[in-house]
Amino acid sequence: MTRGGRELDRLLAGEIERRLPLVDRADSPVTELRAALHSLKGSAGLAGYPDLALVIGQLSVRLRQQDGSARADLVSLLSLALSRLNAGERALPTEWPEPPPGLCPSVVEARLRADYRATIRERLGQIDAVLSSHDSALLGLEKAQRSVHAMKGAASVVGDDVTAWYCHGLEARLRAAVRTEPSARDVLVGLGRHRALLALMIEDSARGLATLNALAEEPNRRR
């Protein structure tokens, strides 16, 4: 980790430590609590932990909806992140594509669902075309990256933060691929599995998350 990264981690840990007592209080003023969570979400994103920022955002919504377990879940999440940051570790123990602790399924408004799914299916069709093409793998990789980027944007617009999170990680992986034909072919081989998971998430966010969690547990079962 760079010096700048360590400093951001230190600052994030300090902010979490300051905010935790407010979050833990059942009688915290609503406006102060919302401001604190908004600040924590922004700080987590700035420090390079979009997964942590995402779950903080989801828990903030649950608090506003008076979810009885949201406060305890939030305290648990922030306590975990603080402990790990103080130990010099990443804020959360998971890395994409494993879902971060506490990530909940998305709920897309009924009035937006049909158009949203149609948009995503169109982009998945573009990925299918790339996977079945015999053209340059490098060209296919660029096309796939654009399609995933478009899906991320569509998911963000309708509040499907789980799909947006998954597309963000997938786009980063596609962007980081070495730009040679052999490397691009290897990446495209793996893209088919991600395409299937995205299709599942669009139809049933809860099942999609459950599948991702099950896949993350498989290496542990084999040990």
Protein backbone atom coordinates (compact mmCIF):
# COMPACT_ATOMS: atom_id res chain seq x y z
CA MET A 1 0.00 0.00 0.00
CA THR A 2 1.27 3.49 -0.83
CA ARG A 3 1.85 6.18 1.76
CA GLY A 4 -1.23 8.00 0.45
CA GLY A 5 -3.30 4.85 0.81
CA ARG A 6 -2.16 4.33 4.40
CA GLU A 7 -2.99 7.93 5.24
CA LEU A 8 -6.50 7.59 3.78
CA ASP A 9 -6.99 4.39 5.78
CA ARG A 10 -5.89 6.19 8.94
CA LEU A 11 -8.27 9.07 8.29
CA LEU A 12 -11.15 6.69 7.56
CA ALA A 13 -10.47 4.73 10.75
CA GLY A 14 -10.44 7.96 12.73
CA GLU A 15 -13.76 9.06 11.27
CA ILE A 16 -15.39 5.68 11.94
CA GLU A 17 -14.16 5.81 15.54
CA ARG A 18 -15.64 9.30 15.97
CA ARG A 19 -18.98 8.40 14.39
CA LEU A 20 -19.56 5.01 16.03
CA PRO A 21 -20.97 6.34 19.34
CA LEU A 22 -23.53 8.41 17.42
CA VAL A 23 -24.50 5.46 15.24
CA ASP A 24 -24.80 3.18 18.27
CA ARG A 25 -27.15 5.51 20.17
CA ALA A 26 -30.82 4.66 19.72
CA ASP A 27 -31.74 8.30 20.45
CA SER A 28 -29.33 9.88 17.98
CA PRO A 29 -30.82 12.98 16.29
CA VAL A 30 -31.97 11.92 12.83
CA THR A 31 -30.33 14.82 11.01
CA GLU A 32 -26.98 14.23 12.73
CA LEU A 33 -27.11 10.52 12.02
CA ARG A 34 -27.90 11.04 8.35
CA ALA A 35 -25.09 13.57 8.01
CA ALA A 36 -22.64 11.20 9.72
CA LEU A 37 -23.55 8.27 7.47
CA HIS A 38 -23.39 10.44 4.37
CA SER A 39 -19.89 11.55 5.40
CA LEU A 40 -18.78 7.99 6.18
CA LYS A 41 -20.06 6.74 2.84
CA GLY A 42 -18.12 9.44 1.01
CA SER A 43 -14.97 8.84 3.03
CA ALA A 44 -15.10 5.09 2.37
CA GLY A 45 -15.40 5.70 -1.36
CA LEU A 46 -12.58 8.24 -1.30
CA ALA A 47 -10.33 5.81 0.57
CA GLY A 48 -10.85 3.21 -2.16
CA TYR A 49 -13.52 1.05 -0.51
CA PRO A 50 -16.60 1.28 -2.77
CA ASP A 51 -17.94 -1.97 -1.30
CA LEU A 52 -17.98 -0.46 2.19
CA ALA A 53 -19.56 2.72 0.86
CA LEU A 54 -22.26 0.68 -0.88
CA VAL A 55 -23.27 -1.24 2.25
CA ILE A 56 -23.23 1.92 4.38
CA GLY A 57 -25.60 3.46 1.83
CA GLN A 58 -27.93 0.46 1.95
CA LEU A 59 -27.96 0.45 5.75
CA SER A 60 -28.69 4.19 5.77
CA VAL A 61 -31.79 3.52 3.70
CA ARG A 62 -32.83 0.71 6.04
CA LEU A 63 -32.47 3.07 9.01
CA ARG A 64 -34.69 5.65 7.31
CA GLN A 65 -37.22 2.90 6.71
CA GLN A 66 -37.07 2.07 10.43
CA ASP A 67 -35.71 -1.42 9.90
CA GLY A 68 -35.30 -2.78 13.42
CA SER A 69 -32.02 -4.58 12.73
CA ALA A 70 -30.33 -1.87 10.65
CA ARG A 71 -28.59 -0.08 13.51
CA ALA A 72 -27.03 -3.26 14.91
CA ASP A 73 -25.94 -4.31 11.41
CA LEU A 74 -24.38 -0.89 10.84
CA VAL A 75 -22.50 -0.95 14.15
CA SER A 76 -21.23 -4.45 13.34
CA LEU A 77 -20.06 -3.39 9.87
CA LEU A 78 -18.30 -0.24 11.07
CA SER A 79 -16.70 -2.07 14.00
CA LEU A 80 -15.34 -4.70 11.62
CA ALA A 81 -13.96 -2.06 9.27
CA LEU A 82 -12.38 -0.13 12.16
CA SER A 83 -10.72 -3.23 13.60
CA ARG A 84 -9.27 -4.21 10.24
CA LEU A 85 -8.05 -0.71 9.38
CA ASN A 86 -6.36 -0.37 12.77
CA ALA A 87 -4.62 -3.69 12.08
CA GLY A 88 -3.28 -2.38 8.77
CA GLU A 89 -5.68 -4.48 6.69
CA ARG A 90 -8.28 -3.61 4.07
CA ALA A 91 -11.53 -2.29 5.51
CA LEU A 92 -13.46 -5.45 4.56
CA PRO A 93 -12.29 -9.07 4.25
CA THR A 94 -13.97 -9.60 0.87
CA GLU A 95 -12.95 -8.67 -2.66
CA TRP A 96 -15.02 -8.65 -5.83
CA PRO A 97 -16.75 -10.83 -6.95
CA GLU A 98 -17.45 -11.97 -3.39
CA PRO A 99 -20.24 -9.77 -1.96
CA PRO A 100 -19.20 -7.57 0.97
CA PRO A 101 -20.64 -8.34 4.43
CA GLY A 102 -24.19 -7.04 4.79
CA LEU A 103 -24.89 -6.45 1.11
CA CYS A 104 -28.63 -6.82 0.52
CA PRO A 105 -30.59 -7.56 -2.67
CA SER A 106 -31.70 -4.58 -4.73
CA VAL A 107 -35.33 -3.63 -5.23
CA VAL A 108 -36.18 -1.87 -8.50
CA GLU A 109 -39.45 0.05 -8.61
CA ALA A 110 -42.15 -1.84 -10.48
CA ARG A 111 -42.76 1.03 -12.90
CA LEU A 112 -39.10 0.93 -14.00
CA ARG A 113 -38.57 -2.81 -14.04
CA ALA A 114 -39.73 -3.75 -17.55
CA ASP A 115 -37.75 -1.08 -19.39
CA TYR A 116 -34.71 -1.71 -17.21
CA ARG A 117 -34.71 -5.44 -17.85
CA ALA A 118 -35.16 -4.86 -21.57
CA THR A 119 -32.12 -2.55 -21.56
CA ILE A 120 -29.98 -5.07 -19.71
CA ARG A 121 -31.08 -7.94 -21.94
CA GLU A 122 -30.04 -5.89 -24.97
CA ARG A 123 -26.58 -5.39 -23.47
CA LEU A 124 -26.34 -9.07 -22.57
CA GLY A 125 -27.17 -9.81 -26.20
CA GLN A 126 -24.19 -7.69 -27.21
CA ILE A 127 -21.98 -9.77 -24.92
CA ASP A 128 -23.42 -12.95 -26.44
CA ALA A 129 -22.47 -11.63 -29.87
CA VAL A 130 -18.91 -11.04 -28.66
CA LEU A 131 -18.67 -14.51 -27.16
CA SER A 132 -19.89 -16.18 -30.37
CA SER A 133 -17.75 -14.07 -32.71
CA HIS A 134 -14.61 -15.35 -34.43
CA ASP A 135 -13.24 -11.83 -34.88
CA SER A 136 -10.35 -10.29 -32.97
CA ALA A 137 -10.49 -11.05 -29.25
CA LEU A 138 -9.08 -7.60 -28.55
CA LEU A 139 -11.94 -6.00 -30.45
CA GLY A 140 -14.39 -8.22 -28.59
CA LEU A 141 -12.89 -7.23 -25.26
CA GLU A 142 -13.40 -3.54 -26.04
CA LYS A 143 -17.01 -4.16 -27.07
CA ALA A 144 -17.69 -6.19 -23.95
CA GLN A 145 -16.21 -3.49 -21.75
CA ARG A 146 -18.51 -0.87 -23.29
CA SER A 147 -21.54 -3.12 -22.79
CA VAL A 148 -20.70 -3.73 -19.13
CA HIS A 149 -20.17 0.01 -18.61
CA ALA A 150 -23.61 0.69 -20.11
CA MET A 151 -25.19 -1.91 -17.82
CA LYS A 152 -23.54 -0.31 -14.81
CA GLY A 153 -25.02 3.04 -15.76
CA ALA A 154 -28.49 1.60 -16.34
CA ALA A 155 -28.40 -0.21 -12.99
CA SER A 156 -27.30 2.93 -11.15
CA VAL A 157 -30.15 4.98 -12.63
CA VAL A 158 -32.86 2.65 -11.30
CA GLY A 159 -31.18 1.97 -7.94
CA ASP A 160 -30.07 -1.60 -8.65
CA ASP A 161 -26.91 -1.16 -6.62
CA VAL A 162 -26.06 -4.87 -6.52
CA THR A 163 -25.89 -5.14 -10.32
CA ALA A 164 -24.08 -1.80 -10.51
CA TRP A 165 -21.52 -3.09 -7.98
CA TYR A 166 -21.01 -6.29 -9.94
CA CYS A 167 -20.65 -4.44 -13.25
CA HIS A 168 -18.17 -2.03 -11.68
CA GLY A 169 -15.93 -4.91 -10.64
CA LEU A 170 -16.30 -6.68 -13.97
CA GLU A 171 -15.54 -3.53 -15.92
CA ALA A 172 -12.39 -2.99 -13.84
CA ARG A 173 -11.28 -6.56 -14.61
CA LEU A 174 -11.89 -6.13 -18.33
CA ARG A 175 -10.06 -2.80 -18.34
CA ALA A 176 -7.07 -4.29 -16.52
CA ALA A 177 -6.65 -7.17 -18.98
CA VAL A 178 -3.38 -7.22 -20.90
CA ARG A 179 -4.05 -6.00 -24.43
CA THR A 180 -2.80 -9.00 -26.39
CA GLU A 181 -4.87 -11.49 -28.36
CA PRO A 182 -4.05 -14.50 -26.12
CA SER A 183 -4.83 -12.57 -22.92
CA ALA A 184 -8.04 -11.13 -24.38
CA ARG A 185 -9.18 -14.63 -25.39
CA ASP A 186 -8.61 -15.90 -21.85
CA VAL A 187 -10.64 -13.03 -20.39
CA LEU A 188 -13.49 -13.62 -22.83
CA VAL A 189 -13.62 -17.30 -21.87
CA GLY A 190 -14.34 -16.26 -18.28
CA LEU A 191 -16.81 -13.60 -19.38
CA GLY A 192 -19.45 -16.23 -20.14
CA ARG A 193 -19.75 -17.08 -16.43
CA HIS A 194 -20.12 -13.42 -15.50
CA ARG A 195 -22.76 -13.00 -18.19
CA ALA A 196 -24.80 -15.83 -16.64
CA LEU A 197 -24.54 -14.28 -13.18
CA LEU A 198 -25.64 -10.89 -14.48
CA ALA A 199 -28.66 -12.43 -16.16
CA LEU A 200 -29.61 -14.09 -12.86
CA MET A 201 -29.21 -10.85 -10.89
CA ILE A 202 -31.54 -8.99 -13.22
CA GLU A 203 -34.27 -11.59 -12.82
CA ASP A 204 -33.81 -12.20 -9.08
CA SER A 205 -31.35 -10.06 -7.11
CA ALA A 206 -31.63 -12.25 -4.00
CA ARG A 207 -30.82 -15.44 -5.92
CA GLY A 208 -27.95 -13.70 -7.68
CA LEU A 209 -26.41 -12.64 -4.37
CA ALA A 210 -26.96 -16.08 -2.87
CA THR A 211 -25.19 -17.65 -5.85
CA LEU A 212 -22.23 -15.30 -5.49
CA ASN A 213 -21.95 -16.10 -1.79
CA ALA A 214 -22.13 -19.83 -2.52
CA LEU A 215 -19.41 -19.54 -5.16
CA ALA A 216 -17.21 -17.64 -2.68
CA GLU A 217 -17.62 -20.42 -0.11
CA GLU A 218 -16.64 -23.25 -2.47
CA PRO A 219 -12.84 -22.90 -2.00
CA ASN A 220 -13.38 -23.00 1.79
CA ARG A 221 -15.42 -26.20 1.51
CA ARG A 222 -12.56 -27.89 -0.34
CA ARG A 223 -9.97 -27.09 2.31
